[in-house]
PDB file of all heavy atoms in Angstrom:
ATOM      1  N   VAL A   1      40.865  13.174  19.878  1.00  0.00           N
ATOM      2  CA  VAL A   1      42.248  12.734  19.974  1.00  0.00           C
ATOM      3  C   VAL A   1      42.694  12.737  21.433  1.00  0.00           C
ATOM      4  O   VAL A   1      42.320  13.627  22.204  1.00  0.00           O
ATOM      5  CB  VAL A   1      43.182  13.621  19.116  1.00  0.00           C
ATOM      6  CG1 VAL A   1      43.131  15.068  19.555  1.00  0.00           C
ATOM      7  CG2 VAL A   1      44.617  13.117  19.156  1.00  0.00           C
ATOM      8  N   LEU A   2      43.450  11.731  21.805  1.00  0.00           N
ATOM      9  CA  LEU A   2      44.063  11.661  23.127  1.00  0.00           C
ATOM     10  C   LEU A   2      45.496  12.184  22.990  1.00  0.00           C
ATOM     11  O   LEU A   2      46.249  11.720  22.128  1.00  0.00           O
ATOM     12  CB  LEU A   2      44.068  10.236  23.658  1.00  0.00           C
ATOM     13  CG  LEU A   2      44.745  10.020  25.027  1.00  0.00           C
ATOM     14  CD1 LEU A   2      43.951  10.720  26.122  1.00  0.00           C
ATOM     15  CD2 LEU A   2      44.901   8.528  25.327  1.00  0.00           C
ATOM     16  N   ILE A   3      45.846  13.162  23.823  1.00  0.00           N
ATOM     17  CA  ILE A   3      47.215  13.691  23.776  1.00  0.00           C
ATOM     18  C   ILE A   3      47.898  13.409  25.109  1.00  0.00           C
ATOM     19  O   ILE A   3      47.266  13.387  26.171  1.00  0.00           O
ATOM     20  CB  ILE A   3      47.237  15.206  23.471  1.00  0.00           C
ATOM     21  CG1 ILE A   3      46.468  16.001  24.525  1.00  0.00           C
ATOM     22  CG2 ILE A   3      46.654  15.469  22.090  1.00  0.00           C
ATOM     23  CD1 ILE A   3      46.563  17.520  24.344  1.00  0.00           C
ATOM     24  N   ARG A   4      49.226  13.188  25.041  1.00  0.00           N
ATOM     25  CA  ARG A   4      49.992  12.833  26.234  1.00  0.00           C
ATOM     26  C   ARG A   4      51.253  13.688  26.323  1.00  0.00           C
ATOM     27  O   ARG A   4      51.844  14.042  25.305  1.00  0.00           O
ATOM     28  CB  ARG A   4      50.401  11.362  26.209  1.00  0.00           C
ATOM     29  CG  ARG A   4      49.251  10.361  26.187  1.00  0.00           C
ATOM     30  CD  ARG A   4      49.787   8.946  26.007  1.00  0.00           C
ATOM     31  NE  ARG A   4      48.744   7.930  25.928  1.00  0.00           N
ATOM     32  CZ  ARG A   4      48.311   7.234  26.977  1.00  0.00           C
ATOM     33  NH1 ARG A   4      48.832   7.447  28.182  1.00  0.00           N
ATOM     34  NH2 ARG A   4      47.369   6.318  26.831  1.00  0.00           N
ATOM     35  N   LYS A   5      51.647  13.965  27.561  1.00  0.00           N
ATOM     36  CA  LYS A   5      52.925  14.620  27.831  1.00  0.00           C
ATOM     37  C   LYS A   5      53.390  14.142  29.197  1.00  0.00           C
ATOM     38  O   LYS A   5      52.785  14.473  30.216  1.00  0.00           O
ATOM     39  CB  LYS A   5      52.789  16.146  27.797  1.00  0.00           C
ATOM     40  CG  LYS A   5      54.110  16.867  28.041  1.00  0.00           C
ATOM     41  CD  LYS A   5      53.997  18.363  27.784  1.00  0.00           C
ATOM     42  CE  LYS A   5      53.099  19.036  28.784  1.00  0.00           C
ATOM     43  NZ  LYS A   5      53.101  20.516  28.617  1.00  0.00           N
ATOM     44  N   ASP A   6      54.471  13.355  29.201  1.00  0.00           N
ATOM     45  CA  ASP A   6      54.960  12.732  30.432  1.00  0.00           C
ATOM     46  C   ASP A   6      53.834  11.895  31.048  1.00  0.00           C
ATOM     47  O   ASP A   6      53.312  11.000  30.416  1.00  0.00           O
ATOM     48  CB  ASP A   6      55.484  13.805  31.398  1.00  0.00           C
ATOM     49  CG  ASP A   6      56.642  14.593  30.799  1.00  0.00           C
ATOM     50  OD1 ASP A   6      57.389  14.005  30.001  1.00  0.00           O
ATOM     51  OD2 ASP A   6      56.792  15.788  31.114  1.00  0.00           O
ATOM     52  N   GLN A   7      53.433  12.232  32.274  1.00  0.00           N
ATOM     53  CA  GLN A   7      52.389  11.470  32.952  1.00  0.00           C
ATOM     54  C   GLN A   7      51.000  12.084  32.767  1.00  0.00           C
ATOM     55  O   GLN A   7      50.021  11.575  33.311  1.00  0.00           O
ATOM     56  CB  GLN A   7      52.704  11.372  34.460  1.00  0.00           C
ATOM     57  CG  GLN A   7      54.050  10.740  34.770  1.00  0.00           C
ATOM     58  CD  GLN A   7      54.168   9.334  34.211  1.00  0.00           C
ATOM     59  OE1 GLN A   7      53.240   8.525  34.322  1.00  0.00           O
ATOM     60  NE2 GLN A   7      55.308   9.013  33.599  1.00  0.00           N
ATOM     61  N   SER A   8      50.936  13.177  32.026  1.00  0.00           N
ATOM     62  CA  SER A   8      49.654  13.863  31.846  1.00  0.00           C
ATOM     63  C   SER A   8      48.978  13.408  30.553  1.00  0.00           C
ATOM     64  O   SER A   8      49.638  13.005  29.598  1.00  0.00           O
ATOM     65  CB  SER A   8      49.866  15.379  31.797  1.00  0.00           C
ATOM     66  OG  SER A   8      50.486  15.830  32.979  1.00  0.00           O
ATOM     67  N   ALA A   9      47.650  13.494  30.552  1.00  0.00           N
ATOM     68  CA  ALA A   9      46.876  13.133  29.354  1.00  0.00           C
ATOM     69  C   ALA A   9      45.629  14.003  29.300  1.00  0.00           C
ATOM     70  O   ALA A   9      45.103  14.442  30.339  1.00  0.00           O
ATOM     71  CB  ALA A   9      46.504  11.659  29.370  1.00  0.00           C
ATOM     72  N   GLN A  10      45.161  14.260  28.088  1.00  0.00           N
ATOM     73  CA  GLN A  10      43.960  15.049  27.872  1.00  0.00           C
ATOM     74  C   GLN A  10      43.233  14.507  26.650  1.00  0.00           C
ATOM     75  O   GLN A  10      43.855  13.966  25.731  1.00  0.00           O
ATOM     76  CB  GLN A  10      44.295  16.532  27.637  1.00  0.00           C
ATOM     77  CG  GLN A  10      44.926  17.241  28.807  1.00  0.00           C
ATOM     78  CD  GLN A  10      45.250  18.688  28.483  1.00  0.00           C
ATOM     79  OE1 GLN A  10      45.359  19.080  27.334  1.00  0.00           O
ATOM     80  NE2 GLN A  10      45.416  19.494  29.527  1.00  0.00           N
ATOM     81  N   ILE A  11      41.906  14.673  26.654  1.00  0.00           N
ATOM     82  CA  ILE A  11      41.105  14.384  25.464  1.00  0.00           C
ATOM     83  C   ILE A  11      40.784  15.717  24.797  1.00  0.00           C
ATOM     84  O   ILE A  11      40.338  16.666  25.460  1.00  0.00           O
ATOM     85  CB  ILE A  11      39.806  13.648  25.811  1.00  0.00           C
ATOM     86  CG1 ILE A  11      40.098  12.289  26.449  1.00  0.00           C
ATOM     87  CG2 ILE A  11      38.966  13.444  24.551  1.00  0.00           C
ATOM     88  CD1 ILE A  11      38.855  11.543  26.883  1.00  0.00           C
ATOM     89  N   VAL A  12      41.016  15.785  23.504  1.00  0.00           N
ATOM     90  CA  VAL A  12      40.746  17.001  22.746  1.00  0.00           C
ATOM     91  C   VAL A  12      39.689  16.695  21.684  1.00  0.00           C
ATOM     92  O   VAL A  12      39.832  15.736  20.912  1.00  0.00           O
ATOM     93  CB  VAL A  12      42.019  17.546  22.069  1.00  0.00           C
ATOM     94  CG1 VAL A  12      41.703  18.814  21.278  1.00  0.00           C
ATOM     95  CG2 VAL A  12      43.101  17.830  23.102  1.00  0.00           C
ATOM     96  N   TYR A  13      38.642  17.491  21.667  1.00  0.00           N
ATOM     97  CA  TYR A  13      37.638  17.440  20.604  1.00  0.00           C
ATOM     98  C   TYR A  13      37.766  18.745  19.808  1.00  0.00           C
ATOM     99  O   TYR A  13      37.837  19.825  20.397  1.00  0.00           O
ATOM    100  CB  TYR A  13      36.217  17.342  21.175  1.00  0.00           C
ATOM    101  CG  TYR A  13      35.990  16.186  22.114  1.00  0.00           C
ATOM    102  CD1 TYR A  13      36.124  16.352  23.498  1.00  0.00           C
ATOM    103  CD2 TYR A  13      35.620  14.936  21.641  1.00  0.00           C
ATOM    104  CE1 TYR A  13      35.912  15.299  24.383  1.00  0.00           C
ATOM    105  CE2 TYR A  13      35.408  13.868  22.513  1.00  0.00           C
ATOM    106  CZ  TYR A  13      35.554  14.062  23.880  1.00  0.00           C
ATOM    107  OH  TYR A  13      35.349  13.012  24.740  1.00  0.00           O
ATOM    108  N   TYR A  14      37.792  18.646  18.512  1.00  0.00           N
ATOM    109  CA  TYR A  14      37.827  19.888  17.721  1.00  0.00           C
ATOM    110  C   TYR A  14      37.216  19.657  16.352  1.00  0.00           C
ATOM    111  O   TYR A  14      37.188  18.544  15.834  1.00  0.00           O
ATOM    112  CB  TYR A  14      39.262  20.417  17.591  1.00  0.00           C
ATOM    113  CG  TYR A  14      40.176  19.633  16.681  1.00  0.00           C
ATOM    114  CD1 TYR A  14      40.296  19.963  15.327  1.00  0.00           C
ATOM    115  CD2 TYR A  14      40.937  18.572  17.163  1.00  0.00           C
ATOM    116  CE1 TYR A  14      41.149  19.255  14.486  1.00  0.00           C
ATOM    117  CE2 TYR A  14      41.785  17.858  16.339  1.00  0.00           C
ATOM    118  CZ  TYR A  14      41.889  18.202  15.001  1.00  0.00           C
ATOM    119  OH  TYR A  14      42.722  17.489  14.166  1.00  0.00           O
ATOM    120  N   TRP A  15      36.712  20.735  15.782  1.00  0.00           N
ATOM    121  CA  TRP A  15      36.147  20.698  14.438  1.00  0.00           C
ATOM    122  C   TRP A  15      36.145  22.123  13.879  1.00  0.00           C
ATOM    123  O   TRP A  15      36.430  23.091  14.587  1.00  0.00           O
ATOM    124  CB  TRP A  15      34.738  20.102  14.440  1.00  0.00           C
ATOM    125  CG  TRP A  15      33.680  20.911  15.113  1.00  0.00           C
ATOM    126  CD1 TRP A  15      32.777  21.760  14.545  1.00  0.00           C
ATOM    127  CD2 TRP A  15      33.389  20.929  16.529  1.00  0.00           C
ATOM    128  NE1 TRP A  15      31.954  22.311  15.490  1.00  0.00           N
ATOM    129  CE2 TRP A  15      32.297  21.825  16.719  1.00  0.00           C
ATOM    130  CE3 TRP A  15      33.925  20.289  17.647  1.00  0.00           C
ATOM    131  CZ2 TRP A  15      31.758  22.073  17.967  1.00  0.00           C
ATOM    132  CZ3 TRP A  15      33.394  20.551  18.893  1.00  0.00           C
ATOM    133  CH2 TRP A  15      32.324  21.419  19.050  1.00  0.00           C
ATOM    134  N   PHE A  16      35.841  22.229  12.607  1.00  0.00           N
ATOM    135  CA  PHE A  16      35.847  23.527  11.920  1.00  0.00           C
ATOM    136  C   PHE A  16      34.429  23.897  11.508  1.00  0.00           C
ATOM    137  O   PHE A  16      33.743  23.107  10.855  1.00  0.00           O
ATOM    138  CB  PHE A  16      36.738  23.479  10.668  1.00  0.00           C
ATOM    139  CG  PHE A  16      38.142  23.039  10.962  1.00  0.00           C
ATOM    140  CD1 PHE A  16      38.519  21.713  10.769  1.00  0.00           C
ATOM    141  CD2 PHE A  16      39.086  23.931  11.431  1.00  0.00           C
ATOM    142  CE1 PHE A  16      39.805  21.290  11.040  1.00  0.00           C
ATOM    143  CE2 PHE A  16      40.381  23.522  11.701  1.00  0.00           C
ATOM    144  CZ  PHE A  16      40.744  22.197  11.509  1.00  0.00           C
ATOM    145  N   GLU A  17      33.996  25.074  11.915  1.00  0.00           N
ATOM    146  CA  GLU A  17      32.710  25.626  11.495  1.00  0.00           C
ATOM    147  C   GLU A  17      32.981  26.538  10.306  1.00  0.00           C
ATOM    148  O   GLU A  17      33.584  27.614  10.449  1.00  0.00           O
ATOM    149  CB  GLU A  17      32.050  26.397  12.629  1.00  0.00           C
ATOM    150  CG  GLU A  17      31.565  25.538  13.787  1.00  0.00           C
ATOM    151  CD  GLU A  17      30.318  24.735  13.436  1.00  0.00           C
ATOM    152  OE1 GLU A  17      29.681  25.053  12.403  1.00  0.00           O
ATOM    153  OE2 GLU A  17      29.980  23.803  14.196  1.00  0.00           O
ATOM    154  N   GLN A  18      32.563  26.127   9.127  1.00  0.00           N
ATOM    155  CA  GLN A  18      32.904  26.839   7.896  1.00  0.00           C
ATOM    156  C   GLN A  18      31.639  27.191   7.115  1.00  0.00           C
ATOM    157  O   GLN A  18      31.133  26.396   6.322  1.00  0.00           O
ATOM    158  CB  GLN A  18      33.831  25.985   7.037  1.00  0.00           C
ATOM    159  CG  GLN A  18      35.159  25.666   7.693  1.00  0.00           C
ATOM    160  CD  GLN A  18      36.096  26.857   7.730  1.00  0.00           C
ATOM    161  OE1 GLN A  18      36.445  27.434   6.703  1.00  0.00           O
ATOM    162  NE2 GLN A  18      36.504  27.233   8.921  1.00  0.00           N
ATOM    163  N   ARG A  19      31.062  28.359   7.436  1.00  0.00           N
ATOM    164  CA  ARG A  19      29.926  28.888   6.684  1.00  0.00           C
ATOM    165  C   ARG A  19      28.804  27.862   6.555  1.00  0.00           C
ATOM    166  O   ARG A  19      28.319  27.575   5.462  1.00  0.00           O
ATOM    167  CB  ARG A  19      30.389  29.374   5.296  1.00  0.00           C
ATOM    168  CG  ARG A  19      31.449  30.466   5.394  1.00  0.00           C
ATOM    169  CD  ARG A  19      32.257  30.611   4.153  1.00  0.00           C
ATOM    170  NE  ARG A  19      32.961  29.399   3.770  1.00  0.00           N
ATOM    171  CZ  ARG A  19      34.075  28.956   4.362  1.00  0.00           C
ATOM    172  NH1 ARG A  19      34.611  29.621   5.362  1.00  0.00           N
ATOM    173  NH2 ARG A  19      34.659  27.833   3.955  1.00  0.00           N
ATOM    174  N   GLY A  20      28.418  27.301   7.710  1.00  0.00           N
ATOM    175  CA  GLY A  20      27.324  26.343   7.761  1.00  0.00           C
ATOM    176  C   GLY A  20      27.747  24.909   7.528  1.00  0.00           C
ATOM    177  O   GLY A  20      26.894  24.020   7.492  1.00  0.00           O
ATOM    178  N   ARG A  21      29.046  24.657   7.371  1.00  0.00           N
ATOM    179  CA  ARG A  21      29.535  23.290   7.152  1.00  0.00           C
ATOM    180  C   ARG A  21      30.219  22.771   8.421  1.00  0.00           C
ATOM    181  O   ARG A  21      30.948  23.496   9.079  1.00  0.00           O
ATOM    182  CB  ARG A  21      30.525  23.229   5.987  1.00  0.00           C
ATOM    183  CG  ARG A  21      29.904  23.488   4.629  1.00  0.00           C
ATOM    184  CD  ARG A  21      30.932  23.248   3.533  1.00  0.00           C
ATOM    185  NE  ARG A  21      30.364  23.463   2.204  1.00  0.00           N
ATOM    186  CZ  ARG A  21      30.328  24.626   1.582  1.00  0.00           C
ATOM    187  NH1 ARG A  21      30.838  25.693   2.178  1.00  0.00           N
ATOM    188  NH2 ARG A  21      29.789  24.741   0.384  1.00  0.00           N
ATOM    189  N   ASN A  22      30.005  21.499   8.707  1.00  0.00           N
ATOM    190  CA  ASN A  22      30.664  20.797   9.804  1.00  0.00           C
ATOM    191  C   ASN A  22      31.823  19.995   9.200  1.00  0.00           C
ATOM    192  O   ASN A  22      31.622  18.977   8.554  1.00  0.00           O
ATOM    193  CB  ASN A  22      29.649  19.886  10.492  1.00  0.00           C
ATOM    194  CG  ASN A  22      30.270  18.979  11.537  1.00  0.00           C
ATOM    195  OD1 ASN A  22      29.742  17.917  11.832  1.00  0.00           O
ATOM    196  ND2 ASN A  22      31.380  19.363  12.134  1.00  0.00           N
ATOM    197  N   ILE A  23      33.057  20.467   9.415  1.00  0.00           N
ATOM    198  CA  ILE A  23      34.227  19.884   8.758  1.00  0.00           C
ATOM    199  C   ILE A  23      35.228  19.424   9.803  1.00  0.00           C
ATOM    200  O   ILE A  23      35.503  20.135  10.774  1.00  0.00           O
ATOM    201  CB  ILE A  23      34.889  20.905   7.797  1.00  0.00           C
ATOM    202  CG1 ILE A  23      33.895  21.332   6.719  1.00  0.00           C
ATOM    203  CG2 ILE A  23      36.143  20.327   7.161  1.00  0.00           C
ATOM    204  CD1 ILE A  23      34.419  22.404   5.783  1.00  0.00           C
ATOM    205  N   THR A  24      35.806  18.246   9.592  1.00  0.00           N
ATOM    206  CA  THR A  24      36.826  17.725  10.507  1.00  0.00           C
ATOM    207  C   THR A  24      38.195  17.631   9.850  1.00  0.00           C
ATOM    208  O   THR A  24      39.195  17.442  10.551  1.00  0.00           O
ATOM    209  CB  THR A  24      36.427  16.324  11.014  1.00  0.00           C
ATOM    210  OG1 THR A  24      36.213  15.446   9.886  1.00  0.00           O
ATOM    211  CG2 THR A  24      35.149  16.382  11.836  1.00  0.00           C
ATOM    212  N   ASN A  25      38.263  17.737   8.543  1.00  0.00           N
ATOM    213  CA  ASN A  25      39.538  17.610   7.831  1.00  0.00           C
ATOM    214  C   ASN A  25      40.087  18.989   7.470  1.00  0.00           C
ATOM    215  O   ASN A  25      39.384  19.805   6.862  1.00  0.00           O
ATOM    216  CB  ASN A  25      39.346  16.758   6.568  1.00  0.00           C
ATOM    217  CG  ASN A  25      40.645  16.534   5.819  1.00  0.00           C
ATOM    218  OD1 ASN A  25      41.081  17.378   5.044  1.00  0.00           O
ATOM    219  ND2 ASN A  25      41.267  15.388   6.046  1.00  0.00           N
ATOM    220  N   GLU A  26      41.353  19.240   7.830  1.00  0.00           N
ATOM    221  CA  GLU A  26      41.959  20.562   7.604  1.00  0.00           C
ATOM    222  C   GLU A  26      42.004  20.925   6.122  1.00  0.00           C
ATOM    223  O   GLU A  26      41.747  22.073   5.744  1.00  0.00           O
ATOM    224  CB  GLU A  26      43.385  20.593   8.171  1.00  0.00           C
ATOM    225  CG  GLU A  26      43.453  20.560   9.686  1.00  0.00           C
ATOM    226  CD  GLU A  26      43.426  19.159  10.261  1.00  0.00           C
ATOM    227  OE1 GLU A  26      43.127  18.214   9.497  1.00  0.00           O
ATOM    228  OE2 GLU A  26      43.692  19.008  11.467  1.00  0.00           O
ATOM    229  N   TYR A  27      42.335  19.944   5.276  1.00  0.00           N
ATOM    230  CA  TYR A  27      42.481  20.233   3.849  1.00  0.00           C
ATOM    231  C   TYR A  27      41.134  20.416   3.167  1.00  0.00           C
ATOM    232  O   TYR A  27      40.998  21.198   2.226  1.00  0.00           O
ATOM    233  CB  TYR A  27      43.303  19.126   3.179  1.00  0.00           C
ATOM    234  CG  TYR A  27      44.689  19.030   3.754  1.00  0.00           C
ATOM    235  CD1 TYR A  27      45.035  18.017   4.637  1.00  0.00           C
ATOM    236  CD2 TYR A  27      45.652  19.985   3.436  1.00  0.00           C
ATOM    237  CE1 TYR A  27      46.306  17.946   5.184  1.00  0.00           C
ATOM    238  CE2 TYR A  27      46.925  19.923   3.980  1.00  0.00           C
ATOM    239  CZ  TYR A  27      47.247  18.898   4.852  1.00  0.00           C
ATOM    240  OH  TYR A  27      48.496  18.845   5.394  1.00  0.00           O
ATOM    241  N   GLU A  28      40.120  19.719   3.663  1.00  0.00           N
ATOM    242  CA  GLU A  28      38.766  19.945   3.158  1.00  0.00           C
ATOM    243  C   GLU A  28      38.312  21.364   3.522  1.00  0.00           C
ATOM    244  O   GLU A  28      37.671  22.047   2.719  1.00  0.00           O
ATOM    245  CB  GLU A  28      37.810  18.915   3.754  1.00  0.00           C
ATOM    246  CG  GLU A  28      36.380  19.038   3.229  1.00  0.00           C
ATOM    247  CD  GLU A  28      35.433  18.052   3.886  1.00  0.00           C
ATOM    248  OE1 GLU A  28      35.881  17.251   4.735  1.00  0.00           O
ATOM    249  OE2 GLU A  28      34.230  18.089   3.561  1.00  0.00           O
ATOM    250  N   ALA A  29      38.681  21.805   4.730  1.00  0.00           N
ATOM    251  CA  ALA A  29      38.337  23.164   5.140  1.00  0.00           C
ATOM    252  C   ALA A  29      39.008  24.192   4.230  1.00  0.00           C
ATOM    253  O   ALA A  29      38.399  25.199   3.852  1.00  0.00           O
ATOM    254  CB  ALA A  29      38.756  23.390   6.599  1.00  0.00           C
ATOM    255  N   LYS A  30      40.269  23.927   3.843  1.00  0.00           N
ATOM    256  CA  LYS A  30      40.975  24.838   2.941  1.00  0.00           C
ATOM    257  C   LYS A  30      40.286  24.903   1.576  1.00  0.00           C
ATOM    258  O   LYS A  30      40.172  25.974   0.971  1.00  0.00           O
ATOM    259  CB  LYS A  30      42.422  24.376   2.758  1.00  0.00           C
ATOM    260  CG  LYS A  30      43.279  24.509   3.996  1.00  0.00           C
ATOM    261  CD  LYS A  30      43.510  25.964   4.338  1.00  0.00           C
ATOM    262  CE  LYS A  30      44.360  26.109   5.579  1.00  0.00           C
ATOM    263  NZ  LYS A  30      44.513  27.526   5.976  1.00  0.00           N
ATOM    264  N   TRP A  31      39.853  23.744   1.101  1.00  0.00           N
ATOM    265  CA  TRP A  31      39.183  23.720  -0.193  1.00  0.00           C
ATOM    266  C   TRP A  31      37.914  24.558  -0.157  1.00  0.00           C
ATOM    267  O   TRP A  31      37.652  25.342  -1.070  1.00  0.00           O
ATOM    268  CB  TRP A  31      38.851  22.286  -0.605  1.00  0.00           C
ATOM    269  CG  TRP A  31      37.782  22.212  -1.655  1.00  0.00           C
ATOM    270  CD1 TRP A  31      36.501  21.784  -1.514  1.00  0.00           C
ATOM    271  CD2 TRP A  31      37.902  22.617  -3.031  1.00  0.00           C
ATOM    272  NE1 TRP A  31      35.805  21.884  -2.686  1.00  0.00           N
ATOM    273  CE2 TRP A  31      36.637  22.398  -3.647  1.00  0.00           C
ATOM    274  CE3 TRP A  31      38.936  23.144  -3.791  1.00  0.00           C
ATOM    275  CZ2 TRP A  31      36.402  22.696  -4.975  1.00  0.00           C
ATOM    276  CZ3 TRP A  31      38.696  23.439  -5.125  1.00  0.00           C
ATOM    277  CH2 TRP A  31      37.448  23.208  -5.710  1.00  0.00           C
ATOM    278  N   TYR A  32      37.106  24.423   0.902  1.00  0.00           N
ATOM    279  CA  TYR A  32      35.848  25.159   0.960  1.00  0.00           C
ATOM    280  C   TYR A  32      36.063  26.657   1.189  1.00  0.00           C
ATOM    281  O   TYR A  32      35.210  27.470   0.828  1.00  0.00           O
ATOM    282  CB  TYR A  32      34.931  24.569   2.032  1.00  0.00           C
ATOM    283  CG  TYR A  32      34.187  23.353   1.537  1.00  0.00           C
ATOM    284  CD1 TYR A  32      34.403  22.093   2.098  1.00  0.00           C
ATOM    285  CD2 TYR A  32      33.277  23.465   0.484  1.00  0.00           C
ATOM    286  CE1 TYR A  32      33.722  20.979   1.621  1.00  0.00           C
ATOM    287  CE2 TYR A  32      32.597  22.359   0.012  1.00  0.00           C
ATOM    288  CZ  TYR A  32      32.826  21.118   0.570  1.00  0.00           C
ATOM    289  OH  TYR A  32      32.159  20.022   0.092  1.00  0.00           O
ATOM    290  N   VAL A  33      37.193  27.039   1.804  1.00  0.00           N
ATOM    291  CA  VAL A  33      37.524  28.459   1.869  1.00  0.00           C
ATOM    292  C   VAL A  33      37.665  29.009   0.459  1.00  0.00           C
ATOM    293  O   VAL A  33      37.144  30.085   0.116  1.00  0.00           O
ATOM    294  CB  VAL A  33      38.827  28.687   2.670  1.00  0.00           C
ATOM    295  CG1 VAL A  33      39.336  30.117   2.475  1.00  0.00           C
ATOM    296  CG2 VAL A  33      38.587  28.433   4.152  1.00  0.00           C
ATOM    297  N   PHE A  34      38.374  28.252  -0.385  1.00  0.00           N
ATOM    298  CA  PHE A  34      38.564  28.657  -1.779  1.00  0.00           C
ATOM    299  C   PHE A  34      37.224  28.673  -2.524  1.00  0.00           C
ATOM    300  O   PHE A  34      36.881  29.638  -3.209  1.00  0.00           O
ATOM    301  CB  PHE A  34      39.540  27.700  -2.450  1.00  0.00           C
ATOM    302  CG  PHE A  34      39.819  28.005  -3.893  1.00  0.00           C
ATOM    303  CD1 PHE A  34      40.797  28.910  -4.252  1.00  0.00           C
ATOM    304  CD2 PHE A  34      39.091  27.389  -4.903  1.00  0.00           C
ATOM    305  CE1 PHE A  34      41.051  29.203  -5.581  1.00  0.00           C
ATOM    306  CE2 PHE A  34      39.334  27.664  -6.230  1.00  0.00           C
ATOM    307  CZ  PHE A  34      40.319  28.575  -6.569  1.00  0.00           C
ATOM    308  N   TRP A  35      36.452  27.598  -2.379  1.00  0.00           N
ATOM    309  CA  TRP A  35      35.208  27.451  -3.137  1.00  0.00           C
ATOM    310  C   TRP A  35      34.164  28.494  -2.718  1.00  0.00           C
ATOM    311  O   TRP A  35      33.520  29.121  -3.563  1.00  0.00           O
ATOM    312  CB  TRP A  35      34.660  26.040  -2.954  1.00  0.00           C
ATOM    313  CG  TRP A  35      33.395  25.794  -3.710  1.00  0.00           C
ATOM    314  CD1 TRP A  35      32.129  25.724  -3.204  1.00  0.00           C
ATOM    315  CD2 TRP A  35      33.255  25.607  -5.119  1.00  0.00           C
ATOM    316  NE1 TRP A  35      31.213  25.501  -4.198  1.00  0.00           N
ATOM    317  CE2 TRP A  35      31.874  25.422  -5.399  1.00  0.00           C
ATOM    318  CE3 TRP A  35      34.157  25.574  -6.171  1.00  0.00           C
ATOM    319  CZ2 TRP A  35      31.396  25.209  -6.672  1.00  0.00           C
ATOM    320  CZ3 TRP A  35      33.672  25.357  -7.457  1.00  0.00           C
ATOM    321  CH2 TRP A  35      32.316  25.179  -7.694  1.00  0.00           C
ATOM    322  N   ASP A  36      34.004  28.677  -1.414  1.00  0.00           N
ATOM    323  CA  ASP A  36      32.993  29.626  -0.940  1.00  0.00           C
ATOM    324  C   ASP A  36      33.390  31.066  -1.241  1.00  0.00           C
ATOM    325  O   ASP A  36      32.526  31.930  -1.442  1.00  0.00           O
ATOM    326  CB  ASP A  36      32.765  29.455   0.564  1.00  0.00           C
ATOM    327  CG  ASP A  36      32.056  28.141   0.880  1.00  0.00           C
ATOM    328  OD1 ASP A  36      31.489  27.538  -0.048  1.00  0.00           O
ATOM    329  OD2 ASP A  36      32.083  27.714   2.047  1.00  0.00           O
ATOM    330  N   SER A  37      34.681  31.325  -1.244  1.00  0.00           N
ATOM    331  CA  SER A  37      35.125  32.659  -1.647  1.00  0.00           C
ATOM    332  C   SER A  37      34.770  32.924  -3.102  1.00  0.00           C
ATOM    333  O   SER A  37      34.358  34.024  -3.464  1.00  0.00           O
ATOM    334  CB  SER A  37      36.631  32.796  -1.442  1.00  0.00           C
ATOM    335  OG  SER A  37      37.094  34.029  -1.913  1.00  0.00           O
ATOM    336  N   LEU A  38      34.898  31.888  -3.916  1.00  0.00           N
ATOM    337  CA  LEU A  38      34.604  32.006  -5.340  1.00  0.00           C
ATOM    338  C   LEU A  38      33.102  32.145  -5.592  1.00  0.00           C
ATOM    339  O   LEU A  38      32.661  33.009  -6.345  1.00  0.00           O
ATOM    340  CB  LEU A  38      35.153  30.777  -6.072  1.00  0.00           C
ATOM    341  CG  LEU A  38      35.117  30.779  -7.592  1.00  0.00           C
ATOM    342  CD1 LEU A  38      36.007  31.865  -8.150  1.00  0.00           C
ATOM    343  CD2 LEU A  38      35.550  29.414  -8.120  1.00  0.00           C
ATOM    344  N   MET A  39      32.314  31.301  -4.906  1.00  0.00           N
ATOM    345  CA  MET A  39      30.886  31.244  -5.183  1.00  0.00           C
ATOM    346  C   MET A  39      30.065  32.235  -4.356  1.00  0.00           C
ATOM    347  O   MET A  39      29.101  32.819  -4.842  1.00  0.00           O
ATOM    348  CB  MET A  39      30.368  29.820  -4.935  1.00  0.00           C
ATOM    349  CG  MET A  39      31.098  28.750  -5.748  1.00  0.00           C
ATOM    350  SD  MET A  39      31.054  29.053  -7.541  1.00  0.00           S
ATOM    351  CE  MET A  39      29.307  28.887  -7.867  1.00  0.00           C
ATOM    352  N   ASP A  40      30.436  32.405  -3.074  1.00  0.00           N
ATOM    353  CA  ASP A  40      29.627  33.230  -2.173  1.00  0.00           C
ATOM    354  C   ASP A  40      30.342  34.491  -1.695  1.00  0.00           C
ATOM    355  O   ASP A  40      29.765  35.283  -0.950  1.00  0.00           O
ATOM    356  CB  ASP A  40      29.209  32.409  -0.937  1.00  0.00           C
ATOM    357  CG  ASP A  40      28.384  31.190  -1.321  1.00  0.00           C
ATOM    358  OD1 ASP A  40      27.652  31.259  -2.315  1.00  0.00           O
ATOM    359  OD2 ASP A  40      28.496  30.158  -0.619  1.00  0.00           O
ATOM    360  N   ASN A  41      31.615  34.647  -2.075  1.00  0.00           N
ATOM    361  CA  ASN A  41      32.410  35.805  -1.655  1.00  0.00           C
ATOM    362  C   ASN A  41      32.529  35.869  -0.136  1.00  0.00           C
ATOM    363  O   ASN A  41      32.505  36.951   0.462  1.00  0.00           O
ATOM    364  CB  ASN A  41      31.816  37.105  -2.201  1.00  0.00           C
ATOM    365  CG  ASN A  41      32.851  38.207  -2.292  1.00  0.00           C
ATOM    366  OD1 ASN A  41      34.050  37.939  -2.336  1.00  0.00           O
ATOM    367  ND2 ASN A  41      32.397  39.441  -2.325  1.00  0.00           N
ATOM    368  N   ARG A  42      32.677  34.683   0.499  1.00  0.00           N
ATOM    369  CA  ARG A  42      32.839  34.603   1.956  1.00  0.00           C
ATOM    370  C   ARG A  42      33.979  33.649   2.299  1.00  0.00           C
ATOM    371  O   ARG A  42      34.129  32.600   1.668  1.00  0.00           O
ATOM    372  CB  ARG A  42      31.557  34.073   2.622  1.00  0.00           C
ATOM    373  CG  ARG A  42      30.388  35.019   2.612  1.00  0.00           C
ATOM    374  CD  ARG A  42      29.186  34.353   3.264  1.00  0.00           C
ATOM    375  NE  ARG A  42      29.453  33.909   4.635  1.00  0.00           N
ATOM    376  CZ  ARG A  42      28.641  33.117   5.325  1.00  0.00           C
ATOM    377  NH1 ARG A  42      27.513  32.673   4.782  1.00  0.00           N
ATOM    378  NH2 ARG A  42      28.938  32.756   6.568  1.00  0.00           N
ATOM    379  N   THR A  43      34.771  34.024   3.319  1.00  0.00           N
ATOM    380  CA  THR A  43      35.807  33.118   3.815  1.00  0.00           C
ATOM    381  C   THR A  43      35.794  33.051   5.338  1.00  0.00           C
ATOM    382  O   THR A  43      36.748  32.579   5.948  1.00  0.00           O
ATOM    383  CB  THR A  43      37.213  33.562   3.354  1.00  0.00           C
ATOM    384  OG1 THR A  43      37.515  34.853   3.918  1.00  0.00           O
ATOM    385  CG2 THR A  43      37.318  33.632   1.852  1.00  0.00           C
TER     386      THR A  43
END
């Protein structure tokens, strides 16, 4: 994502590392927190 403030700009890269999963969607990450807690007892 490119973010701007006045005349400044930055490129931001981010992702979620979730128990061996590469996730970019916040809500998908929430779902796997629930699922892995249920199945593997890990969050």
